[in-house]
Amino acid sequence: MKRKPQPKPETVVPPEILEQAKQAVSPDRVAVPVGKCSVCGGEVSLPSSEPLCWVCRRLKISAWREIEQQMPAQE
């Protein structure tokens, strides 16, 4: 028995654009460090008003949320 030949898939996006997209999200890309974190000394990759690495930034945000939740309970 022979298999039926499969129809070739229709290309919606040109191959050049697909290749550019693959290169843009490749794991080989490394964030360029902009400076050092003022708290832990880690690398800061995003330019911002506060020199914090992503870990310290997340900890700060979570601390803000905890404070906001505790405020109504104290009043």
PDB file of N, CA and C in Angstrom:
ATOM      1  N   MET A   1       0.823  -1.175   0.000  1.00  0.00           N
ATOM      2  CA  MET A   1       0.000   0.000   0.000  1.00  0.00           C
ATOM      3  C   MET A   1       0.877   1.251   0.000  1.00  0.00           C
ATOM      4  N   LYS A   2       0.497   2.212  -0.780  1.00  0.00           N
ATOM      5  CA  LYS A   2       1.228   3.468  -0.835  1.00  0.00           C
ATOM      6  C   LYS A   2       0.471   4.529  -0.056  1.00  0.00           C
ATOM      7  N   ARG A   3       1.249   5.428   0.539  1.00  0.00           N
ATOM      8  CA  ARG A   3       0.623   6.545   1.238  1.00  0.00           C
ATOM      9  C   ARG A   3       0.221   7.604   0.236  1.00  0.00           C
ATOM     10  N   LYS A   4      -0.802   8.285   0.607  1.00  0.00           N
ATOM     11  CA  LYS A   4      -1.260   9.386  -0.202  1.00  0.00           C
ATOM     12  C   LYS A   4      -0.270  10.548  -0.061  1.00  0.00           C
ATOM     13  N   PRO A   5       0.129  11.215  -1.119  1.00  0.00           N
ATOM     14  CA  PRO A   5       1.056  12.340  -0.962  1.00  0.00           C
ATOM     15  C   PRO A   5       0.396  13.488  -0.198  1.00  0.00           C
ATOM     16  N   GLN A   6       1.123  14.003   0.793  1.00  0.00           N
ATOM     17  CA  GLN A   6       0.601  15.084   1.624  1.00  0.00           C
ATOM     18  C   GLN A   6       0.720  16.408   0.870  1.00  0.00           C
ATOM     19  N   PRO A   7      -0.313  17.227   0.920  1.00  0.00           N
ATOM     20  CA  PRO A   7      -0.204  18.539   0.277  1.00  0.00           C
ATOM     21  C   PRO A   7       0.793  19.401   1.045  1.00  0.00           C
ATOM     22  N   LYS A   8       1.558  20.208   0.320  1.00  0.00           N
ATOM     23  CA  LYS A   8       2.542  21.074   0.963  1.00  0.00           C
ATOM     24  C   LYS A   8       1.808  22.183   1.709  1.00  0.00           C
ATOM     25  N   PRO A   9       2.259  22.475   2.933  1.00  0.00           N
ATOM     26  CA  PRO A   9       1.581  23.530   3.705  1.00  0.00           C
ATOM     27  C   PRO A   9       1.781  24.888   3.048  1.00  0.00           C
ATOM     28  N   GLU A  10       0.732  25.660   3.108  1.00  0.00           N
ATOM     29  CA  GLU A  10       0.750  26.993   2.523  1.00  0.00           C
ATOM     30  C   GLU A  10       1.541  27.930   3.442  1.00  0.00           C
ATOM     31  N   THR A  11       2.517  28.653   2.892  1.00  0.00           N
ATOM     32  CA  THR A  11       3.303  29.572   3.709  1.00  0.00           C
ATOM     33  C   THR A  11       2.601  30.912   3.785  1.00  0.00           C
ATOM     34  N   VAL A  12       2.309  31.328   4.997  1.00  0.00           N
ATOM     35  CA  VAL A  12       1.608  32.581   5.220  1.00  0.00           C
ATOM     36  C   VAL A  12       2.627  33.703   5.442  1.00  0.00           C
ATOM     37  N   VAL A  13       3.686  33.382   6.192  1.00  0.00           N
ATOM     38  CA  VAL A  13       4.714  34.360   6.514  1.00  0.00           C
ATOM     39  C   VAL A  13       5.952  34.039   5.681  1.00  0.00           C
ATOM     40  N   PRO A  14       6.546  35.042   5.050  1.00  0.00           N
ATOM     41  CA  PRO A  14       7.748  34.792   4.258  1.00  0.00           C
ATOM     42  C   PRO A  14       8.885  34.229   5.116  1.00  0.00           C
ATOM     43  N   PRO A  15       9.727  33.375   4.551  1.00  0.00           N
ATOM     44  CA  PRO A  15      10.807  32.748   5.327  1.00  0.00           C
ATOM     45  C   PRO A  15      11.791  33.754   5.931  1.00  0.00           C
ATOM     46  N   GLU A  16      11.995  34.900   5.290  1.00  0.00           N
ATOM     47  CA  GLU A  16      12.923  35.896   5.829  1.00  0.00           C
ATOM     48  C   GLU A  16      12.417  36.438   7.163  1.00  0.00           C
ATOM     49  N   ILE A  17      11.117  36.690   7.231  1.00  0.00           N
ATOM     50  CA  ILE A  17      10.533  37.220   8.467  1.00  0.00           C
ATOM     51  C   ILE A  17      10.570  36.155   9.558  1.00  0.00           C
ATOM     52  N   LEU A  18      10.334  34.897   9.205  1.00  0.00           N
ATOM     53  CA  LEU A  18      10.410  33.820  10.190  1.00  0.00           C
ATOM     54  C   LEU A  18      11.814  33.714  10.772  1.00  0.00           C
ATOM     55  N   GLU A  19      12.827  33.817   9.925  1.00  0.00           N
ATOM     56  CA  GLU A  19      14.206  33.722  10.385  1.00  0.00           C
ATOM     57  C   GLU A  19      14.548  34.887  11.314  1.00  0.00           C
ATOM     58  N   GLN A  20      14.094  36.088  10.984  1.00  0.00           N
ATOM     59  CA  GLN A  20      14.336  37.245  11.844  1.00  0.00           C
ATOM     60  C   GLN A  20      13.663  37.058  13.202  1.00  0.00           C
ATOM     61  N   ALA A  21      12.461  36.509  13.202  1.00  0.00           N
ATOM     62  CA  ALA A  21      11.738  36.286  14.453  1.00  0.00           C
ATOM     63  C   ALA A  21      12.444  35.233  15.307  1.00  0.00           C
ATOM     64  N   LYS A  22      12.940  34.186  14.669  1.00  0.00           N
ATOM     65  CA  LYS A  22      13.656  33.147  15.412  1.00  0.00           C
ATOM     66  C   LYS A  22      14.922  33.713  16.038  1.00  0.00           C
ATOM     67  N   GLN A  23      15.629  34.569  15.316  1.00  0.00           N
ATOM     68  CA  GLN A  23      16.846  35.163  15.852  1.00  0.00           C
ATOM     69  C   GLN A  23      16.533  36.129  16.988  1.00  0.00           C
ATOM     70  N   ALA A  24      15.395  36.811  16.904  1.00  0.00           N
ATOM     71  CA  ALA A  24      15.034  37.786  17.931  1.00  0.00           C
ATOM     72  C   ALA A  24      14.735  37.123  19.266  1.00  0.00           C
ATOM     73  N   VAL A  25      14.196  35.915  19.259  1.00  0.00           N
ATOM     74  CA  VAL A  25      13.844  35.239  20.509  1.00  0.00           C
ATOM     75  C   VAL A  25      14.802  34.110  20.862  1.00  0.00           C
ATOM     76  N   SER A  26      15.910  34.024  20.186  1.00  0.00           N
ATOM     77  CA  SER A  26      16.848  32.936  20.453  1.00  0.00           C
ATOM     78  C   SER A  26      17.449  33.084  21.845  1.00  0.00           C
ATOM     79  N   PRO A  27      17.734  31.977  22.517  1.00  0.00           N
ATOM     80  CA  PRO A  27      18.312  32.046  23.860  1.00  0.00           C
ATOM     81  C   PRO A  27      19.758  32.527  23.855  1.00  0.00           C
ATOM     82  N   ASP A  28      20.358  32.661  22.688  1.00  0.00           N
ATOM     83  CA  ASP A  28      21.732  33.143  22.599  1.00  0.00           C
ATOM     84  C   ASP A  28      21.839  34.624  22.923  1.00  0.00           C
ATOM     85  N   ARG A  29      20.716  35.334  22.793  1.00  0.00           N
ATOM     86  CA  ARG A  29      20.738  36.768  23.104  1.00  0.00           C
ATOM     87  C   ARG A  29      20.896  36.956  24.598  1.00  0.00           C
ATOM     88  N   VAL A  30      21.827  37.794  24.965  1.00  0.00           N
ATOM     89  CA  VAL A  30      22.089  38.063  26.373  1.00  0.00           C
ATOM     90  C   VAL A  30      21.842  39.541  26.623  1.00  0.00           C
ATOM     91  N   ALA A  31      21.176  39.835  27.717  1.00  0.00           N
ATOM     92  CA  ALA A  31      20.911  41.226  28.059  1.00  0.00           C
ATOM     93  C   ALA A  31      22.233  41.922  28.391  1.00  0.00           C
ATOM     94  N   VAL A  32      22.404  43.096  27.868  1.00  0.00           N
ATOM     95  CA  VAL A  32      23.624  43.853  28.110  1.00  0.00           C
ATOM     96  C   VAL A  32      23.505  44.540  29.465  1.00  0.00           C
ATOM     97  N   PRO A  33      24.427  44.264  30.377  1.00  0.00           N
ATOM     98  CA  PRO A  33      24.338  44.898  31.684  1.00  0.00           C
ATOM     99  C   PRO A  33      24.583  46.393  31.588  1.00  0.00           C
ATOM    100  N   VAL A  34      23.732  47.167  32.267  1.00  0.00           N
ATOM    101  CA  VAL A  34      23.844  48.616  32.255  1.00  0.00           C
ATOM    102  C   VAL A  34      24.625  49.085  33.467  1.00  0.00           C
ATOM    103  N   GLY A  35      24.515  48.373  34.574  1.00  0.00           N
ATOM    104  CA  GLY A  35      25.203  48.777  35.800  1.00  0.00           C
ATOM    105  C   GLY A  35      25.061  47.718  36.870  1.00  0.00           C
ATOM    106  N   LYS A  36      25.324  48.123  38.105  1.00  0.00           N
ATOM    107  CA  LYS A  36      25.234  47.215  39.246  1.00  0.00           C
ATOM    108  C   LYS A  36      24.049  47.597  40.119  1.00  0.00           C
ATOM    109  N   CYS A  37      23.429  46.584  40.704  1.00  0.00           N
ATOM    110  CA  CYS A  37      22.301  46.790  41.608  1.00  0.00           C
ATOM    111  C   CYS A  37      22.807  47.461  42.886  1.00  0.00           C
ATOM    112  N   SER A  38      22.063  48.447  43.366  1.00  0.00           N
ATOM    113  CA  SER A  38      22.469  49.157  44.577  1.00  0.00           C
ATOM    114  C   SER A  38      22.230  48.341  45.843  1.00  0.00           C
ATOM    115  N   VAL A  39      21.452  47.251  45.754  1.00  0.00           N
ATOM    116  CA  VAL A  39      21.153  46.441  46.926  1.00  0.00           C
ATOM    117  C   VAL A  39      22.071  45.224  47.011  1.00  0.00           C
ATOM    118  N   CYS A  40      22.098  44.428  45.941  1.00  0.00           N
ATOM    119  CA  CYS A  40      22.839  43.171  46.000  1.00  0.00           C
ATOM    120  C   CYS A  40      24.095  43.153  45.129  1.00  0.00           C
ATOM    121  N   GLY A  41      24.262  44.138  44.258  1.00  0.00           N
ATOM    122  CA  GLY A  41      25.447  44.178  43.403  1.00  0.00           C
ATOM    123  C   GLY A  41      25.295  43.378  42.128  1.00  0.00           C
ATOM    124  N   GLY A  42      24.105  42.872  41.862  1.00  0.00           N
ATOM    125  CA  GLY A  42      23.855  42.113  40.636  1.00  0.00           C
ATOM    126  C   GLY A  42      23.807  43.024  39.423  1.00  0.00           C
ATOM    127  N   GLU A  43      23.692  42.411  38.256  1.00  0.00           N
ATOM    128  CA  GLU A  43      23.668  43.181  37.020  1.00  0.00           C
ATOM    129  C   GLU A  43      22.296  43.805  36.786  1.00  0.00           C
ATOM    130  N   VAL A  44      22.284  45.069  36.401  1.00  0.00           N
ATOM    131  CA  VAL A  44      21.064  45.787  36.053  1.00  0.00           C
ATOM    132  C   VAL A  44      21.047  45.878  34.536  1.00  0.00           C
ATOM    133  N   SER A  45      20.047  45.277  33.895  1.00  0.00           N
ATOM    134  CA  SER A  45      20.019  45.258  32.435  1.00  0.00           C
ATOM    135  C   SER A  45      19.067  46.276  31.842  1.00  0.00           C
ATOM    136  N   LEU A  46      18.131  46.774  32.625  1.00  0.00           N
ATOM    137  CA  LEU A  46      17.182  47.769  32.121  1.00  0.00           C
ATOM    138  C   LEU A  46      17.524  49.140  32.673  1.00  0.00           C
ATOM    139  N   PRO A  47      17.625  50.128  31.801  1.00  0.00           N
ATOM    140  CA  PRO A  47      17.860  51.472  32.335  1.00  0.00           C
ATOM    141  C   PRO A  47      16.595  51.991  33.012  1.00  0.00           C
ATOM    142  N   SER A  48      16.712  52.385  34.265  1.00  0.00           N
ATOM    143  CA  SER A  48      15.564  52.911  34.999  1.00  0.00           C
ATOM    144  C   SER A  48      16.053  53.966  35.978  1.00  0.00           C
ATOM    145  N   SER A  49      15.109  54.572  36.657  1.00  0.00           N
ATOM    146  CA  SER A  49      15.463  55.621  37.617  1.00  0.00           C
ATOM    147  C   SER A  49      16.121  55.034  38.864  1.00  0.00           C
ATOM    148  N   GLU A  50      15.847  53.754  39.161  1.00  0.00           N
ATOM    149  CA  GLU A  50      16.443  53.098  40.321  1.00  0.00           C
ATOM    150  C   GLU A  50      17.369  51.992  39.856  1.00  0.00           C
ATOM    151  N   PRO A  51      18.591  51.972  40.331  1.00  0.00           N
ATOM    152  CA  PRO A  51      19.524  50.920  39.907  1.00  0.00           C
ATOM    153  C   PRO A  51      19.281  49.612  40.668  1.00  0.00           C
ATOM    154  N   LEU A  52      18.238  48.881  40.281  1.00  0.00           N
ATOM    155  CA  LEU A  52      17.902  47.613  40.927  1.00  0.00           C
ATOM    156  C   LEU A  52      17.899  46.489  39.901  1.00  0.00           C
ATOM    157  N   CYS A  53      18.393  45.323  40.304  1.00  0.00           N
ATOM    158  CA  CYS A  53      18.302  44.151  39.425  1.00  0.00           C
ATOM    159  C   CYS A  53      16.851  43.660  39.450  1.00  0.00           C
ATOM    160  N   TRP A  54      16.542  42.683  38.612  1.00  0.00           N
ATOM    161  CA  TRP A  54      15.147  42.252  38.514  1.00  0.00           C
ATOM    162  C   TRP A  54      14.672  41.581  39.797  1.00  0.00           C
ATOM    163  N   VAL A  55      15.567  40.917  40.524  1.00  0.00           N
ATOM    164  CA  VAL A  55      15.166  40.246  41.767  1.00  0.00           C
ATOM    165  C   VAL A  55      14.811  41.277  42.832  1.00  0.00           C
ATOM    166  N   CYS A  56      15.676  42.268  43.011  1.00  0.00           N
ATOM    167  CA  CYS A  56      15.413  43.298  44.021  1.00  0.00           C
ATOM    168  C   CYS A  56      14.194  44.131  43.649  1.00  0.00           C
ATOM    169  N   ARG A  57      13.988  44.372  42.362  1.00  0.00           N
ATOM    170  CA  ARG A  57      12.811  45.117  41.916  1.00  0.00           C
ATOM    171  C   ARG A  57      11.538  44.352  42.271  1.00  0.00           C
ATOM    172  N   ARG A  58      11.531  43.030  42.037  1.00  0.00           N
ATOM    173  CA  ARG A  58      10.352  42.216  42.370  1.00  0.00           C
ATOM    174  C   ARG A  58      10.111  42.169  43.871  1.00  0.00           C
ATOM    175  N   LEU A  59      11.194  42.078  44.650  1.00  0.00           N
ATOM    176  CA  LEU A  59      11.041  42.071  46.098  1.00  0.00           C
ATOM    177  C   LEU A  59      10.453  43.389  46.596  1.00  0.00           C
ATOM    178  N   LYS A  60      10.886  44.492  45.992  1.00  0.00           N
ATOM    179  CA  LYS A  60      10.369  45.802  46.373  1.00  0.00           C
ATOM    180  C   LYS A  60       8.879  45.906  46.055  1.00  0.00           C
ATOM    181  N   ILE A  61       8.489  45.439  44.883  1.00  0.00           N
ATOM    182  CA  ILE A  61       7.081  45.486  44.482  1.00  0.00           C
ATOM    183  C   ILE A  61       6.229  44.629  45.413  1.00  0.00           C
ATOM    184  N   SER A  62       6.730  43.433  45.745  1.00  0.00           N
ATOM    185  CA  SER A  62       5.942  42.572  46.637  1.00  0.00           C
ATOM    186  C   SER A  62       5.857  43.169  48.036  1.00  0.00           C
ATOM    187  N   ALA A  63       6.897  43.855  48.482  1.00  0.00           N
ATOM    188  CA  ALA A  63       6.847  44.511  49.795  1.00  0.00           C
ATOM    189  C   ALA A  63       5.819  45.637  49.791  1.00  0.00           C
ATOM    190  N   TRP A  64       5.749  46.397  48.690  1.00  0.00           N
ATOM    191  CA  TRP A  64       4.735  47.450  48.574  1.00  0.00           C
ATOM    192  C   TRP A  64       3.340  46.857  48.681  1.00  0.00           C
ATOM    193  N   ARG A  65       3.119  45.738  48.009  1.00  0.00           N
ATOM    194  CA  ARG A  65       1.793  45.112  48.032  1.00  0.00           C
ATOM    195  C   ARG A  65       1.434  44.653  49.441  1.00  0.00           C
ATOM    196  N   GLU A  66       2.397  44.097  50.156  1.00  0.00           N
ATOM    197  CA  GLU A  66       2.127  43.650  51.520  1.00  0.00           C
ATOM    198  C   GLU A  66       1.770  44.826  52.422  1.00  0.00           C
ATOM    199  N   ILE A  67       2.482  45.938  52.260  1.00  0.00           N
ATOM    200  CA  ILE A  67       2.201  47.126  53.073  1.00  0.00           C
ATOM    201  C   ILE A  67       0.806  47.653  52.778  1.00  0.00           C
ATOM    202  N   GLU A  68       0.433  47.687  51.489  1.00  0.00           N
ATOM    203  CA  GLU A  68      -0.894  48.182  51.113  1.00  0.00           C
ATOM    204  C   GLU A  68      -1.993  47.296  51.676  1.00  0.00           C
ATOM    205  N   GLN A  69      -1.767  46.004  51.776  1.00  0.00           N
ATOM    206  CA  GLN A  69      -2.782  45.104  52.315  1.00  0.00           C
ATOM    207  C   GLN A  69      -2.888  45.224  53.821  1.00  0.00           C
ATOM    208  N   GLN A  70      -1.803  45.569  54.515  1.00  0.00           N
ATOM    209  CA  GLN A  70      -1.804  45.667  55.976  1.00  0.00           C
ATOM    210  C   GLN A  70      -2.344  46.998  56.456  1.00  0.00           C
ATOM    211  N   MET A  71      -2.303  48.026  55.655  1.00  0.00           N
ATOM    212  CA  MET A  71      -2.757  49.365  56.062  1.00  0.00           C
ATOM    213  C   MET A  71      -4.200  49.380  56.554  1.00  0.00           C
ATOM    214  N   PRO A  72      -5.179  48.843  55.823  1.00  0.00           N
ATOM    215  CA  PRO A  72      -6.566  48.885  56.305  1.00  0.00           C
ATOM    216  C   PRO A  72      -6.756  48.125  57.619  1.00  0.00           C
ATOM    217  N   ALA A  73      -5.998  47.065  57.855  1.00  0.00           N
ATOM    218  CA  ALA A  73      -6.163  46.275  59.057  1.00  0.00           C
ATOM    219  C   ALA A  73      -5.697  47.048  60.297  1.00  0.00           C
ATOM    220  N   GLN A  74      -4.743  47.956  60.149  1.00  0.00           N
ATOM    221  CA  GLN A  74      -4.231  48.705  61.291  1.00  0.00           C
ATOM    222  C   GLN A  74      -5.140  49.849  61.702  1.00  0.00           C
ATOM    223  N   GLU A  75      -5.953  50.332  60.797  1.00  0.00           N
ATOM    224  CA  GLU A  75      -6.805  51.485  61.097  1.00  0.00           C
ATOM    225  C   GLU A  75      -8.013  51.171  61.904  1.00  0.00           C
TER     226      GLU A  75
END
